[in-house]
PDB file of N, CA and C in Angstrom:
ATOM      1  N   MET A   1     -31.101  36.235  29.178  1.00  0.00           N
ATOM      2  CA  MET A   1     -30.202  37.184  28.595  1.00  0.00           C
ATOM      3  C   MET A   1     -29.240  36.446  27.640  1.00  0.00           C
ATOM      4  N   PRO A   2     -29.341  36.653  26.333  1.00  0.00           N
ATOM      5  CA  PRO A   2     -28.472  35.950  25.393  1.00  0.00           C
ATOM      6  C   PRO A   2     -27.045  36.494  25.453  1.00  0.00           C
ATOM      7  N   ILE A   3     -26.124  35.597  25.171  1.00  0.00           N
ATOM      8  CA  ILE A   3     -24.707  35.981  25.154  1.00  0.00           C
ATOM      9  C   ILE A   3     -24.340  36.389  23.736  1.00  0.00           C
ATOM     10  N   LYS A   4     -23.784  37.547  23.590  1.00  0.00           N
ATOM     11  CA  LYS A   4     -23.355  38.021  22.284  1.00  0.00           C
ATOM     12  C   LYS A   4     -21.838  37.930  22.193  1.00  0.00           C
ATOM     13  N   ILE A   5     -21.395  37.353  21.093  1.00  0.00           N
ATOM     14  CA  ILE A   5     -19.952  37.246  20.861  1.00  0.00           C
ATOM     15  C   ILE A   5     -19.567  38.293  19.838  1.00  0.00           C
ATOM     16  N   LYS A   6     -18.615  39.080  20.214  1.00  0.00           N
ATOM     17  CA  LYS A   6     -18.136  40.112  19.300  1.00  0.00           C
ATOM     18  C   LYS A   6     -17.074  39.525  18.374  1.00  0.00           C
ATOM     19  N   MET A   7     -16.848  40.162  17.250  1.00  0.00           N
ATOM     20  CA  MET A   7     -15.904  39.655  16.251  1.00  0.00           C
ATOM     21  C   MET A   7     -14.463  39.685  16.744  1.00  0.00           C
ATOM     22  N   ASN A   8     -14.124  40.592  17.629  1.00  0.00           N
ATOM     23  CA  ASN A   8     -12.739  40.717  18.054  1.00  0.00           C
ATOM     24  C   ASN A   8     -12.418  39.851  19.283  1.00  0.00           C
ATOM     25  N   GLU A   9     -13.399  39.156  19.836  1.00  0.00           N
ATOM     26  CA  GLU A   9     -13.119  38.291  20.975  1.00  0.00           C
ATOM     27  C   GLU A   9     -12.526  36.972  20.481  1.00  0.00           C
ATOM     28  N   PRO A  10     -11.490  36.484  21.159  1.00  0.00           N
ATOM     29  CA  PRO A  10     -10.891  35.213  20.732  1.00  0.00           C
ATOM     30  C   PRO A  10     -11.849  34.050  21.017  1.00  0.00           C
ATOM     31  N   ASN A  11     -11.745  33.037  20.194  1.00  0.00           N
ATOM     32  CA  ASN A  11     -12.575  31.852  20.369  1.00  0.00           C
ATOM     33  C   ASN A  11     -12.019  31.036  21.536  1.00  0.00           C
ATOM     34  N   GLU A  12     -12.834  30.761  22.524  1.00  0.00           N
ATOM     35  CA  GLU A  12     -12.353  30.046  23.703  1.00  0.00           C
ATOM     36  C   GLU A  12     -12.214  28.551  23.444  1.00  0.00           C
ATOM     37  N   ASN A  13     -12.953  28.028  22.489  1.00  0.00           N
ATOM     38  CA  ASN A  13     -12.881  26.601  22.171  1.00  0.00           C
ATOM     39  C   ASN A  13     -12.195  26.415  20.816  1.00  0.00           C
ATOM     40  N   PRO A  14     -10.884  26.135  20.835  1.00  0.00           N
ATOM     41  CA  PRO A  14     -10.189  25.919  19.551  1.00  0.00           C
ATOM     42  C   PRO A  14     -10.697  24.625  18.911  1.00  0.00           C
ATOM     43  N   PRO A  15     -10.604  24.511  17.618  1.00  0.00           N
ATOM     44  CA  PRO A  15     -11.075  23.287  16.972  1.00  0.00           C
ATOM     45  C   PRO A  15     -10.260  22.080  17.439  1.00  0.00           C
ATOM     46  N   ARG A  16     -10.974  20.962  17.630  1.00  0.00           N
ATOM     47  CA  ARG A  16     -10.300  19.750  18.115  1.00  0.00           C
ATOM     48  C   ARG A  16      -9.435  19.157  17.022  1.00  0.00           C
ATOM     49  N   ARG A  17      -8.313  18.625  17.414  1.00  0.00           N
ATOM     50  CA  ARG A  17      -7.431  17.925  16.484  1.00  0.00           C
ATOM     51  C   ARG A  17      -7.524  16.442  16.796  1.00  0.00           C
ATOM     52  N   TYR A  18      -8.187  15.727  15.911  1.00  0.00           N
ATOM     53  CA  TYR A  18      -8.389  14.299  16.121  1.00  0.00           C
ATOM     54  C   TYR A  18      -7.146  13.518  15.715  1.00  0.00           C
ATOM     55  N   LYS A  19      -6.875  12.467  16.464  1.00  0.00           N
ATOM     56  CA  LYS A  19      -5.719  11.619  16.162  1.00  0.00           C
ATOM     57  C   LYS A  19      -6.102  10.413  15.320  1.00  0.00           C
ATOM     58  N   TRP A  20      -7.380  10.006  15.340  1.00  0.00           N
ATOM     59  CA  TRP A  20      -7.743   8.770  14.660  1.00  0.00           C
ATOM     60  C   TRP A  20      -7.589   8.846  13.147  1.00  0.00           C
ATOM     61  N   PRO A  21      -7.752   9.988  12.476  1.00  0.00           N
ATOM     62  CA  PRO A  21      -7.498   9.962  11.022  1.00  0.00           C
ATOM     63  C   PRO A  21      -6.043   9.647  10.687  1.00  0.00           C
ATOM     64  N   TRP A  22      -5.138  10.116  11.520  1.00  0.00           N
ATOM     65  CA  TRP A  22      -3.718   9.817  11.282  1.00  0.00           C
ATOM     66  C   TRP A  22      -3.421   8.347  11.515  1.00  0.00           C
ATOM     67  N   ILE A  23      -4.082   7.749  12.495  1.00  0.00           N
ATOM     68  CA  ILE A  23      -3.884   6.324  12.762  1.00  0.00           C
ATOM     69  C   ILE A  23      -4.431   5.502  11.595  1.00  0.00           C
ATOM     70  N   VAL A  24      -5.590   5.890  11.087  1.00  0.00           N
ATOM     71  CA  VAL A  24      -6.167   5.180   9.938  1.00  0.00           C
ATOM     72  C   VAL A  24      -5.276   5.349   8.717  1.00  0.00           C
ATOM     73  N   LEU A  25      -4.766   6.530   8.490  1.00  0.00           N
ATOM     74  CA  LEU A  25      -3.873   6.769   7.361  1.00  0.00           C
ATOM     75  C   LEU A  25      -2.594   5.940   7.489  1.00  0.00           C
ATOM     76  N   ALA A  26      -2.018   5.897   8.675  1.00  0.00           N
ATOM     77  CA  ALA A  26      -0.804   5.107   8.894  1.00  0.00           C
ATOM     78  C   ALA A  26      -1.081   3.621   8.675  1.00  0.00           C
ATOM     79  N   ALA A  27      -2.221   3.134   9.140  1.00  0.00           N
ATOM     80  CA  ALA A  27      -2.572   1.730   8.937  1.00  0.00           C
ATOM     81  C   ALA A  27      -2.745   1.423   7.450  1.00  0.00           C
ATOM     82  N   PHE A  28      -3.364   2.330   6.711  1.00  0.00           N
ATOM     83  CA  PHE A  28      -3.560   2.116   5.272  1.00  0.00           C
ATOM     84  C   PHE A  28      -2.218   2.092   4.543  1.00  0.00           C
ATOM     85  N   VAL A  29      -1.330   3.022   4.869  1.00  0.00           N
ATOM     86  CA  VAL A  29      -0.011   3.060   4.225  1.00  0.00           C
ATOM     87  C   VAL A  29       0.773   1.797   4.558  1.00  0.00           C
ATOM     88  N   LEU A  30       0.712   1.353   5.805  1.00  0.00           N
ATOM     89  CA  LEU A  30       1.393   0.118   6.192  1.00  0.00           C
ATOM     90  C   LEU A  30       0.813  -1.074   5.447  1.00  0.00           C
ATOM     91  N   PHE A  31      -0.496  -1.124   5.291  1.00  0.00           N
ATOM     92  CA  PHE A  31      -1.144  -2.197   4.547  1.00  0.00           C
ATOM     93  C   PHE A  31      -0.662  -2.231   3.106  1.00  0.00           C
ATOM     94  N   VAL A  32      -0.588  -1.076   2.460  1.00  0.00           N
ATOM     95  CA  VAL A  32      -0.148  -1.022   1.069  1.00  0.00           C
ATOM     96  C   VAL A  32       1.307  -1.467   0.949  1.00  0.00           C
ATOM     97  N   LEU A  33       2.171  -1.020   1.834  1.00  0.00           N
ATOM     98  CA  LEU A  33       3.574  -1.414   1.787  1.00  0.00           C
ATOM     99  C   LEU A  33       3.748  -2.913   2.007  1.00  0.00           C
ATOM    100  N   LEU A  34       3.031  -3.466   2.986  1.00  0.00           N
ATOM    101  CA  LEU A  34       3.130  -4.902   3.234  1.00  0.00           C
ATOM    102  C   LEU A  34       2.567  -5.707   2.064  1.00  0.00           C
ATOM    103  N   ALA A  35       1.525  -5.226   1.427  1.00  0.00           N
ATOM    104  CA  ALA A  35       0.973  -5.918   0.264  1.00  0.00           C
ATOM    105  C   ALA A  35       1.974  -5.922  -0.888  1.00  0.00           C
ATOM    106  N   ILE A  36       2.677  -4.818  -1.089  1.00  0.00           N
ATOM    107  CA  ILE A  36       3.686  -4.754  -2.155  1.00  0.00           C
ATOM    108  C   ILE A  36       4.826  -5.721  -1.866  1.00  0.00           C
ATOM    109  N   VAL A  37       5.299  -5.745  -0.632  1.00  0.00           N
ATOM    110  CA  VAL A  37       6.396  -6.652  -0.268  1.00  0.00           C
ATOM    111  C   VAL A  37       5.944  -8.098  -0.418  1.00  0.00           C
ATOM    112  N   TRP A  38       4.743  -8.418   0.056  1.00  0.00           N
ATOM    113  CA  TRP A  38       4.232  -9.785  -0.028  1.00  0.00           C
ATOM    114  C   TRP A  38       4.093 -10.221  -1.482  1.00  0.00           C
ATOM    115  N   MET A  39       3.569  -9.357  -2.331  1.00  0.00           N
ATOM    116  CA  MET A  39       3.404  -9.714  -3.740  1.00  0.00           C
ATOM    117  C   MET A  39       4.747  -9.874  -4.437  1.00  0.00           C
ATOM    118  N   SER A  40       5.735  -9.083  -4.073  1.00  0.00           N
ATOM    119  CA  SER A  40       7.047  -9.239  -4.699  1.00  0.00           C
ATOM    120  C   SER A  40       7.658 -10.588  -4.343  1.00  0.00           C
ATOM    121  N   PHE A  41       7.486 -11.034  -3.092  1.00  0.00           N
ATOM    122  CA  PHE A  41       7.976 -12.365  -2.725  1.00  0.00           C
ATOM    123  C   PHE A  41       7.201 -13.457  -3.450  1.00  0.00           C
ATOM    124  N   ALA A  42       5.894 -13.292  -3.582  1.00  0.00           N
ATOM    125  CA  ALA A  42       5.077 -14.292  -4.270  1.00  0.00           C
ATOM    126  C   ALA A  42       5.455 -14.380  -5.747  1.00  0.00           C
ATOM    127  N   VAL A  43       5.683 -13.241  -6.373  1.00  0.00           N
ATOM    128  CA  VAL A  43       6.082 -13.235  -7.783  1.00  0.00           C
ATOM    129  C   VAL A  43       7.439 -13.897  -7.947  1.00  0.00           C
ATOM    130  N   ARG A  44       8.351 -13.624  -7.046  1.00  0.00           N
ATOM    131  CA  ARG A  44       9.683 -14.232  -7.125  1.00  0.00           C
ATOM    132  C   ARG A  44       9.600 -15.749  -6.998  1.00  0.00           C
ATOM    133  N   ILE A  45       8.754 -16.253  -6.114  1.00  0.00           N
ATOM    134  CA  ILE A  45       8.611 -17.699  -5.940  1.00  0.00           C
ATOM    135  C   ILE A  45       8.025 -18.332  -7.195  1.00  0.00           C
ATOM    136  N   VAL A  46       7.014 -17.697  -7.782  1.00  0.00           N
ATOM    137  CA  VAL A  46       6.410 -18.239  -9.003  1.00  0.00           C
ATOM    138  C   VAL A  46       7.416 -18.227 -10.146  1.00  0.00           C
ATOM    139  N   GLU A  47       8.206 -17.185 -10.261  1.00  0.00           N
ATOM    140  CA  GLU A  47       9.223 -17.145 -11.319  1.00  0.00           C
ATOM    141  C   GLU A  47      10.267 -18.224 -11.125  1.00  0.00           C
ATOM    142  N   GLN A  48      10.658 -18.489  -9.895  1.00  0.00           N
ATOM    143  CA  GLN A  48      11.619 -19.552  -9.636  1.00  0.00           C
ATOM    144  C   GLN A  48      11.035 -20.915 -10.003  1.00  0.00           C
ATOM    145  N   GLU A  49       9.747 -21.136  -9.692  1.00  0.00           N
ATOM    146  CA  GLU A  49       9.124 -22.405 -10.037  1.00  0.00           C
ATOM    147  C   GLU A  49       9.017 -22.579 -11.549  1.00  0.00           C
ATOM    148  N   ARG A  50       8.720 -21.525 -12.262  1.00  0.00           N
ATOM    149  CA  ARG A  50       8.607 -21.622 -13.720  1.00  0.00           C
ATOM    150  C   ARG A  50       9.962 -21.814 -14.374  1.00  0.00           C
ATOM    151  N   ASN A  51      11.013 -21.218 -13.835  1.00  0.00           N
ATOM    152  CA  ASN A  51      12.346 -21.342 -14.417  1.00  0.00           C
ATOM    153  C   ASN A  51      13.053 -22.615 -13.999  1.00  0.00           C
ATOM    154  N   LEU A  52      12.490 -23.373 -13.072  1.00  0.00           N
ATOM    155  CA  LEU A  52      13.121 -24.613 -12.628  1.00  0.00           C
ATOM    156  C   LEU A  52      13.118 -25.634 -13.746  1.00  0.00           C
ATOM    157  N   ASN A  53      12.019 -25.774 -14.445  1.00  0.00           N
ATOM    158  CA  ASN A  53      11.900 -26.702 -15.566  1.00  0.00           C
ATOM    159  C   ASN A  53      11.516 -25.917 -16.811  1.00  0.00           C
ATOM    160  N   PRO A  54      12.496 -25.282 -17.461  1.00  0.00           N
ATOM    161  CA  PRO A  54      12.152 -24.506 -18.648  1.00  0.00           C
ATOM    162  C   PRO A  54      11.745 -25.433 -19.784  1.00  0.00           C
ATOM    163  N   PRO A  55      10.919 -24.967 -20.682  1.00  0.00           N
ATOM    164  CA  PRO A  55      10.519 -25.810 -21.808  1.00  0.00           C
ATOM    165  C   PRO A  55      11.709 -26.088 -22.720  1.00  0.00           C
ATOM    166  N   PRO A  56      11.678 -27.203 -23.433  1.00  0.00           N
ATOM    167  CA  PRO A  56      12.816 -27.502 -24.317  1.00  0.00           C
ATOM    168  C   PRO A  56      12.902 -26.479 -25.436  1.00  0.00           C
ATOM    169  N   PRO A  57      14.096 -26.274 -25.938  1.00  0.00           N
ATOM    170  CA  PRO A  57      14.249 -25.294 -27.019  1.00  0.00           C
ATOM    171  C   PRO A  57      13.502 -25.757 -28.272  1.00  0.00           C
ATOM    172  N   THR A  58      12.965 -24.808 -28.997  1.00  0.00           N
ATOM    173  CA  THR A  58      12.187 -25.143 -30.193  1.00  0.00           C
ATOM    174  C   THR A  58      12.980 -24.867 -31.458  1.00  0.00           C
ATOM    175  N   ASN A  59      14.289 -25.033 -31.381  1.00  0.00           N
ATOM    176  CA  ASN A  59      15.146 -24.811 -32.546  1.00  0.00           C
ATOM    177  C   ASN A  59      14.952 -25.988 -33.501  1.00  0.00           C
ATOM    178  N   SER A  60      14.492 -25.724 -34.712  1.00  0.00           N
ATOM    179  CA  SER A  60      14.190 -26.801 -35.655  1.00  0.00           C
ATOM    180  C   SER A  60      15.445 -27.441 -36.241  1.00  0.00           C
ATOM    181  N   SER A  61      16.597 -26.803 -36.117  1.00  0.00           N
ATOM    182  CA  SER A  61      17.820 -27.386 -36.686  1.00  0.00           C
ATOM    183  C   SER A  61      18.319 -28.554 -35.853  1.00  0.00           C
ATOM    184  N   GLN A  62      17.904 -28.676 -34.620  1.00  0.00           N
ATOM    185  CA  GLN A  62      18.351 -29.791 -33.771  1.00  0.00           C
ATOM    186  C   GLN A  62      17.329 -30.903 -33.737  1.00  0.00           C
ATOM    187  N   TRP A  63      16.221 -30.755 -34.428  1.00  0.00           N
ATOM    188  CA  TRP A  63      15.152 -31.755 -34.314  1.00  0.00           C
ATOM    189  C   TRP A  63      14.903 -32.373 -35.667  1.00  0.00           C
ATOM    190  N   PRO A  64      14.757 -33.584 -35.838  1.00  0.00           N
ATOM    191  CA  PRO A  64      15.018 -34.705 -34.927  1.00  0.00           C
ATOM    192  C   PRO A  64      16.494 -35.063 -34.921  1.00  0.00           C
ATOM    193  N   LEU A  65      16.879 -35.704 -33.874  1.00  0.00           N
ATOM    194  CA  LEU A  65      18.294 -36.084 -33.749  1.00  0.00           C
ATOM    195  C   LEU A  65      18.576 -37.390 -34.409  1.00  0.00           C
TER     196      LEU A  65
END
């Protein structure tokens, strides 16, 4: 005897709400934020190293002394 479901009967099995997509999304957002912070520190260190010994000025009025 087949079971017939009428249109007005409520669905007994509500759709499942998975938690793992939210965990994956949170991990991805955290990864992007940490990558941005890490790159900003790396860029700052490289800029400090380049500005430590700036090239001599190329003003032709002071050359040769």
